[in-house]
Structure formats: C-alpha cells, structure tokens
Amino acid sequence: MLDVWSLKVLSEVGRLGSFSAAAEALSMTQPAVSRQIAALERRSGVLLFHRLPRGVRPTGAGQAALEQAAHVLDGIALLETRLAAHAAGEHGRVRVQAFPSAATAFVPECFRLFAARHPAVELSLTVGGGASAVLAGEADLALVTSWDPAPAGLDLVPLLDDELLVALPESHPLAAGESVRLRALAGQAWIDGSHPDCLGPLSELAAALGTPPRVSHLCDDWNGRQGLVAAGVGVMVFPSIAGGAALRPDIRLLRPEPALPARRVFAAVLPAPGRSPAVEELLRTMLGYGGP
C-alpha cells in the first residue's frame, strides 16, 4: 500500500531531479530518500528513475507515477483545505427555524451580516417548527421565546429581550402620541395569531386592560394581521423583533402603559460539542445584532 509520504518523496525527486536536492527540501538524508525510492520500485516492480552520473531522470513508468502522484497530492491538499474551512466555519450549511415576527426583519438582517463574512456557508430558513426540529435533526438552530417550554437536551442561548408594543391604525384617535394607556383599549377588538406571535400571557394583558381582551379576529399571517389593523377592525400586540421595516405605513406603534413584560428570545441549539463552527458563527452574528 502506497502512503502519502512516499508519494511526496517521489514528487520531490521528480521535481528536483536529484536525491540530494529532494533530501534537502524534505529535511531528510540523501540515503533515506534513495531507500524510499528503492522501496517504491520494489513494491511496484518497475524502475522509476534512471540513476545518472549527476542526478536522476524519470523512466516512462516514473513519469506516469509522477503525474498520478501529483493528482493524489493535490486532492489531499484540497481535502485538508476544505476540512479546515469547515472547522473555521467558512463552509457548510446552517438550517434555521424561526417564528413569523422573527423572520420579518431579525433573521434576514442576521443572514445578510453573516453572508457578508461567510459567503460559502449555505443558509436556509423555515418558518415554524420550533425547537423540536433541532431535536429531530431537521434544523441546526431554532428561535424560541420565554413563552415556550424549555426543550430538554438543547442549549438555550439568550439573544435579546423583545419589547411588546401595540399597533393601531393611523386614523385611530389614540394613535397620535408615543404611548397609549391600555385601559383606554379595553373595549377594542383584538387580533390574535399563532404562538408565539399572539397576545402572550392573557392574564397580564387582562390585568393591564382591566378586563379580558375581546379577541375578534384570529390570523396567523403576519401581513394579514397588519392589514386588519390598517382597516380599523382591531388592534394587535406588535413585537419589536419584527422591526420597523416590516411595519405598514398606515399603522402606528405605541408603547403600552403599563408596559407589557418583554419576552426573551433564545436560540435553541445542540449542546456545544455537537454544534458546527458555522452554527457558532451564526450565533455570534445574532448575539452582535444591533437592530436595523
């Protein structure tokens, strides 16, 4: 069985045309190089080099061996480079699961920042699924909130505290200020959506309103919910993670008084020994995200 070092010795002898020169390049002795080539010739059963008064010249078999050895050594060098790139997080794939409001601004902006530094890493996004997708091997990272039960067997990396605002149509009489008293919205119709882009812990909202919210519309589509607000048929809780860029121009965001408790957003990932360098790099990007 040929080994990589033997091929390296063969290649250097062919390149330099001398056992002595190859020995110097490889930090070996000349007799050691000579023995290495002789061993290759015994193993293959053919003469690889003509020994000349000054140096060596490859035989026909030797030339064929040199050409093939070059392909093998180039392939090994490429393998080492690709493995090193994966180890450095420069190649690979990261599959992300996110809830709708996180997918409107936060995830796209983090993907943009990540791709600028790691253009060879493939990123993919699926909306929905949650932490169970990571446990099932269908995702590498899932965004979850403090409203979700902690998934067993995964690490939760805290990313940000998501302030909860209230969205009103711009024509609403209470939409002119920077904040709105929640008790003033007690009689309004509320728009709810799927978890975690919903009204959250209803007991906290009910306490602030002074009465349970009157949920008149259920809509899982993020744009559809904003459309209902813009049409003046209801109001909604708007998580800050969605970003102002995702806001329709005909609705207004106001801070509720009293403030609703912020929800914490986490990245659910495999424990550190099982995470790829590319996932670690995406985590660092998300942790360093400063907003649009």
Protein backbone atom coordinates (compact mmCIF):
# COMPACT_ATOMS: atom_id res chain seq x y z
CA MET A 1 0.00 0.00 0.00
CA LEU A 2 1.40 3.37 -1.02
CA ASP A 3 1.46 6.08 1.61
CA VAL A 4 1.26 9.85 1.25
CA TRP A 5 4.83 10.45 2.41
CA SER A 6 6.22 8.09 -0.23
CA LEU A 7 4.30 10.00 -2.88
CA LYS A 8 5.67 13.27 -1.53
CA VAL A 9 9.25 11.92 -1.75
CA LEU A 10 8.57 10.64 -5.28
CA SER A 11 7.18 14.02 -6.32
CA GLU A 12 10.14 15.99 -4.91
CA VAL A 13 12.70 13.72 -6.58
CA GLY A 14 10.90 14.13 -9.91
CA ARG A 15 10.57 17.90 -9.47
CA LEU A 16 14.21 18.49 -8.49
CA GLY A 17 15.86 15.68 -10.49
CA SER A 18 18.14 14.71 -7.62
CA PHE A 19 18.05 12.55 -4.50
CA SER A 20 20.25 15.08 -2.69
CA ALA A 21 18.12 18.09 -3.61
CA ALA A 22 14.94 16.25 -2.63
CA ALA A 23 16.53 15.26 0.69
CA GLU A 24 17.36 18.89 1.44
CA ALA A 25 13.84 20.07 0.54
CA LEU A 26 12.24 17.40 2.73
CA SER A 27 14.72 17.71 5.63
CA MET A 28 15.86 14.10 5.08
CA THR A 29 19.21 12.48 4.37
CA GLN A 30 20.16 11.50 0.84
CA PRO A 31 20.39 7.76 1.73
CA ALA A 32 16.89 7.92 3.27
CA VAL A 33 15.46 9.36 0.05
CA SER A 34 17.30 6.75 -2.01
CA ARG A 35 15.90 3.94 0.18
CA GLN A 36 12.37 5.39 -0.10
CA ILE A 37 12.52 5.37 -3.92
CA ALA A 38 14.07 1.90 -3.98
CA ALA A 39 11.23 0.63 -1.76
CA LEU A 40 8.66 2.12 -4.15
CA GLU A 41 10.39 0.40 -7.07
CA ARG A 42 10.39 -2.96 -5.29
CA ARG A 43 6.72 -2.56 -4.37
CA SER A 44 5.66 -1.61 -7.89
CA GLY A 45 8.05 -3.94 -9.71
CA VAL A 46 9.22 -1.23 -12.13
CA LEU A 47 12.16 1.15 -12.35
CA LEU A 48 11.02 4.70 -11.62
CA PHE A 49 14.23 6.68 -12.17
CA HIS A 50 17.35 6.26 -14.26
CA ARG A 51 20.36 6.91 -12.00
CA LEU A 52 22.71 9.24 -13.86
CA PRO A 53 26.23 10.48 -13.01
CA ARG A 54 24.60 13.72 -11.95
CA GLY A 55 21.06 13.34 -10.69
CA VAL A 56 18.20 11.15 -11.87
CA ARG A 57 15.70 11.11 -14.76
CA PRO A 58 12.24 9.51 -14.58
CA THR A 59 11.58 6.42 -16.69
CA GLY A 60 8.33 6.08 -18.62
CA ALA A 61 6.79 4.34 -15.60
CA GLY A 62 8.29 7.00 -13.35
CA GLN A 63 6.71 9.81 -15.39
CA ALA A 64 3.31 8.12 -15.20
CA ALA A 65 3.77 7.70 -11.43
CA LEU A 66 4.73 11.35 -11.03
CA GLU A 67 1.65 12.53 -12.91
CA GLN A 68 -0.66 10.36 -10.83
CA ALA A 69 1.10 11.29 -7.59
CA ALA A 70 0.52 14.98 -8.39
CA HIS A 71 -3.23 14.35 -8.72
CA VAL A 72 -3.30 12.46 -5.41
CA LEU A 73 -1.30 15.09 -3.52
CA ASP A 74 -3.42 17.90 -4.96
CA GLY A 75 -6.55 16.03 -3.87
CA ILE A 76 -5.21 15.61 -0.36
CA ALA A 77 -4.28 19.29 -0.17
CA LEU A 78 -7.82 20.20 -1.30
CA LEU A 79 -9.31 17.86 1.31
CA GLU A 80 -7.22 19.48 4.05
CA THR A 81 -8.25 22.94 2.87
CA ARG A 82 -11.95 22.05 2.81
CA LEU A 83 -11.82 20.42 6.24
CA ALA A 84 -10.00 23.44 7.63
CA ALA A 85 -12.64 25.71 6.10
CA HIS A 86 -15.42 23.71 7.77
CA ALA A 87 -13.53 23.82 11.06
CA ALA A 88 -13.28 27.60 10.73
CA GLY A 89 -16.98 27.96 9.89
CA GLU A 90 -16.26 29.10 6.34
CA HIS A 91 -18.20 26.32 4.60
CA GLY A 92 -21.18 24.14 5.38
CA ARG A 93 -24.88 24.70 5.87
CA VAL A 94 -26.99 26.13 8.68
CA ARG A 95 -30.73 25.41 8.76
CA VAL A 96 -32.76 27.88 10.84
CA GLN A 97 -36.30 27.63 12.18
CA ALA A 98 -37.96 30.91 13.21
CA PHE A 99 -41.37 32.20 14.23
CA PRO A 100 -43.04 34.68 11.82
CA SER A 101 -42.21 38.00 13.52
CA ALA A 102 -38.53 36.97 13.87
CA ALA A 103 -38.48 36.07 10.17
CA THR A 104 -39.62 39.53 9.03
CA ALA A 105 -36.53 41.57 9.96
CA PHE A 106 -34.27 39.96 12.58
CA VAL A 107 -33.38 36.75 10.73
CA PRO A 108 -32.99 38.36 7.26
CA GLU A 109 -30.68 41.04 8.66
CA CYS A 110 -28.60 38.47 10.59
CA PHE A 111 -28.37 36.37 7.42
CA ARG A 112 -27.17 39.43 5.49
CA LEU A 113 -24.46 40.20 8.05
CA PHE A 114 -23.39 36.55 8.26
CA ALA A 115 -23.27 36.05 4.48
CA ALA A 116 -21.02 39.10 4.08
CA ARG A 117 -18.40 37.39 6.27
CA HIS A 118 -19.01 33.76 5.32
CA PRO A 119 -20.25 33.72 1.70
CA ALA A 120 -19.56 30.00 1.22
CA VAL A 121 -21.90 28.89 4.04
CA GLU A 122 -25.39 28.00 2.84
CA LEU A 123 -28.21 29.40 4.98
CA SER A 124 -31.82 28.23 4.89
CA LEU A 125 -34.91 29.41 6.78
CA THR A 126 -38.16 27.63 7.63
CA VAL A 127 -40.93 29.43 9.46
CA GLY A 128 -42.45 27.33 12.24
CA GLY A 129 -41.35 24.06 13.74
CA GLY A 130 -39.55 25.35 16.81
CA ALA A 131 -37.01 23.55 18.94
CA SER A 132 -38.41 20.12 18.13
CA ALA A 133 -36.92 20.47 14.64
CA VAL A 134 -33.42 20.72 16.17
CA LEU A 135 -34.04 17.64 18.30
CA ALA A 136 -35.26 15.77 15.20
CA GLY A 137 -32.18 16.76 13.19
CA GLU A 138 -34.26 18.85 10.77
CA ALA A 139 -32.73 22.20 11.83
CA ASP A 140 -29.47 23.42 13.33
CA LEU A 141 -30.87 26.43 15.18
CA ALA A 142 -34.40 27.39 16.22
CA LEU A 143 -35.60 30.70 17.60
CA VAL A 144 -37.90 30.32 20.60
CA THR A 145 -39.22 32.65 23.29
CA SER A 146 -39.58 32.60 27.05
CA TRP A 147 -43.24 31.76 26.43
CA ASP A 148 -42.13 28.33 25.18
CA PRO A 149 -41.35 25.41 27.48
CA ALA A 150 -37.60 24.83 27.75
CA PRO A 151 -36.67 21.97 25.38
CA ALA A 152 -34.85 19.11 27.10
CA GLY A 153 -31.48 18.19 25.63
CA LEU A 154 -30.81 21.56 23.95
CA ASP A 155 -28.91 24.69 24.95
CA LEU A 156 -30.86 27.94 25.07
CA VAL A 157 -28.66 30.91 24.14
CA PRO A 158 -30.34 34.24 25.13
CA LEU A 159 -30.31 36.67 22.20
CA LEU A 160 -32.47 39.67 23.11
CA ASP A 161 -35.40 40.97 25.13
CA ASP A 162 -38.31 41.60 22.79
CA GLU A 163 -40.33 44.69 23.77
CA LEU A 164 -44.06 44.33 23.11
CA LEU A 165 -45.79 47.33 21.54
CA VAL A 166 -49.37 47.99 20.47
CA ALA A 167 -50.31 48.55 16.81
CA LEU A 168 -53.19 50.93 15.99
CA PRO A 169 -54.46 52.22 12.65
CA GLU A 170 -53.05 55.70 11.96
CA SER A 171 -56.61 57.02 11.92
CA HIS A 172 -57.27 55.83 15.48
CA PRO A 173 -57.94 58.72 17.90
CA LEU A 174 -55.31 57.34 20.31
CA ALA A 175 -52.61 56.90 17.66
CA ALA A 176 -51.21 60.44 17.78
CA GLY A 177 -48.93 60.02 20.79
CA GLU A 178 -45.89 57.87 21.57
CA SER A 179 -47.72 55.70 24.10
CA VAL A 180 -51.23 54.56 24.91
CA ARG A 181 -52.91 53.58 28.18
CA LEU A 182 -54.07 50.01 27.84
CA ARG A 183 -57.24 50.67 29.83
CA ALA A 184 -58.28 53.03 27.03
CA LEU A 185 -58.24 50.00 24.69
CA ALA A 186 -60.36 47.77 26.92
CA GLY A 187 -63.35 47.89 24.58
CA GLN A 188 -61.35 47.38 21.37
CA ALA A 189 -61.43 44.26 19.22
CA TRP A 190 -58.08 42.45 19.42
CA ILE A 191 -56.35 40.45 16.72
CA ASP A 192 -54.60 37.29 17.82
CA GLY A 193 -52.27 34.91 15.99
CA SER A 194 -50.46 31.63 16.42
CA HIS A 195 -47.92 31.09 19.17
CA PRO A 196 -45.60 32.81 19.88
CA ASP A 197 -46.88 35.75 17.79
CA CYS A 198 -50.00 36.03 19.85
CA LEU A 199 -51.32 38.12 22.74
CA GLY A 200 -49.00 36.25 25.06
CA PRO A 201 -49.91 35.54 28.66
CA LEU A 202 -53.50 36.77 28.57
CA SER A 203 -53.62 37.26 32.34
CA GLU A 204 -51.01 40.04 32.13
CA LEU A 205 -52.79 41.78 29.26
CA ALA A 206 -56.15 41.38 31.01
CA ALA A 207 -54.77 42.93 34.20
CA ALA A 208 -53.48 45.94 32.25
CA LEU A 209 -56.77 46.32 30.34
CA GLY A 210 -58.87 45.81 33.45
CA THR A 211 -60.82 43.11 31.59
CA PRO A 212 -60.01 40.10 29.38
CA PRO A 213 -59.20 41.21 25.80
CA ARG A 214 -62.05 40.77 23.34
CA VAL A 215 -60.43 38.64 20.64
CA SER A 216 -62.47 39.14 17.48
CA HIS A 217 -60.01 38.04 14.81
CA LEU A 218 -57.62 35.09 14.54
CA CYS A 219 -54.99 35.42 11.83
CA ASP A 220 -51.68 33.60 11.55
CA ASP A 221 -50.43 35.57 8.56
CA TRP A 222 -48.23 38.49 9.64
CA ASN A 223 -49.23 40.75 6.74
CA GLY A 224 -52.86 39.80 7.14
CA ARG A 225 -52.88 40.86 10.78
CA GLN A 226 -51.40 44.22 9.91
CA GLY A 227 -53.99 44.58 7.15
CA LEU A 228 -56.75 44.09 9.72
CA VAL A 229 -55.23 46.79 11.93
CA ALA A 230 -54.89 49.18 8.99
CA ALA A 231 -58.54 48.57 8.09
CA GLY A 232 -59.53 49.72 11.58
CA VAL A 233 -61.22 46.48 12.60
CA GLY A 234 -58.90 45.69 15.50
CA VAL A 235 -55.64 46.32 17.36
CA MET A 236 -52.75 43.97 18.00
CA VAL A 237 -49.63 43.35 20.04
CA PHE A 238 -46.58 44.06 17.87
CA PRO A 239 -43.24 42.51 18.95
CA SER A 240 -40.24 44.77 18.41
CA ILE A 241 -38.24 41.93 16.85
CA ALA A 242 -40.34 42.39 13.71
CA GLY A 243 -38.59 45.71 13.14
CA GLY A 244 -39.92 48.99 11.82
CA ALA A 245 -39.10 47.95 8.26
CA ALA A 246 -41.86 45.33 8.48
CA LEU A 247 -44.46 47.87 9.57
CA ARG A 248 -47.15 49.04 7.18
CA PRO A 249 -47.09 52.83 6.70
CA ASP A 250 -50.75 53.15 7.65
CA ILE A 251 -50.45 51.78 11.19
CA ARG A 252 -48.73 53.23 14.24
CA LEU A 253 -46.73 51.57 17.00
CA LEU A 254 -47.14 52.84 20.55
CA ARG A 255 -45.65 51.82 23.87
CA PRO A 256 -48.33 50.43 26.16
CA GLU A 257 -48.88 51.89 29.64
CA PRO A 258 -48.28 49.99 31.79
CA ALA A 259 -45.58 48.18 29.80
CA LEU A 260 -46.24 44.56 28.97
CA PRO A 261 -43.47 42.22 30.19
CA ALA A 262 -40.89 41.71 27.44
CA ARG A 263 -40.44 38.21 26.11
CA ARG A 264 -36.91 36.88 25.87
CA VAL A 265 -35.81 35.39 22.55
CA PHE A 266 -33.44 32.41 22.60
CA ALA A 267 -31.56 30.34 20.05
CA ALA A 268 -32.18 26.64 20.72
CA VAL A 269 -29.15 24.65 19.59
CA LEU A 270 -27.39 21.38 20.29
CA PRO A 271 -25.01 21.40 23.26
CA ALA A 272 -21.63 22.93 22.38
CA PRO A 273 -19.73 19.70 21.49
CA GLY A 274 -22.33 18.91 18.84
CA ARG A 275 -22.52 22.33 17.18
CA SER A 276 -20.70 23.04 13.93
CA PRO A 277 -18.38 26.06 13.64
CA ALA A 278 -20.83 27.60 11.14
CA VAL A 279 -23.62 27.44 13.73
CA GLU A 280 -21.30 29.05 16.29
CA GLU A 281 -20.55 31.84 13.81
CA LEU A 282 -24.26 32.45 13.17
CA LEU A 283 -24.86 32.56 16.92
CA ARG A 284 -22.15 35.20 17.26
CA THR A 285 -23.80 37.21 14.48
CA MET A 286 -27.20 37.04 16.20
CA LEU A 287 -25.70 37.99 19.56
CA GLY A 288 -23.99 41.00 17.99
CA TYR A 289 -27.04 42.18 16.05
CA GLY A 290 -27.74 45.79 16.90
CA GLY A 291 -31.03 46.26 15.09
CA PRO A 292 -31.92 47.81 11.72
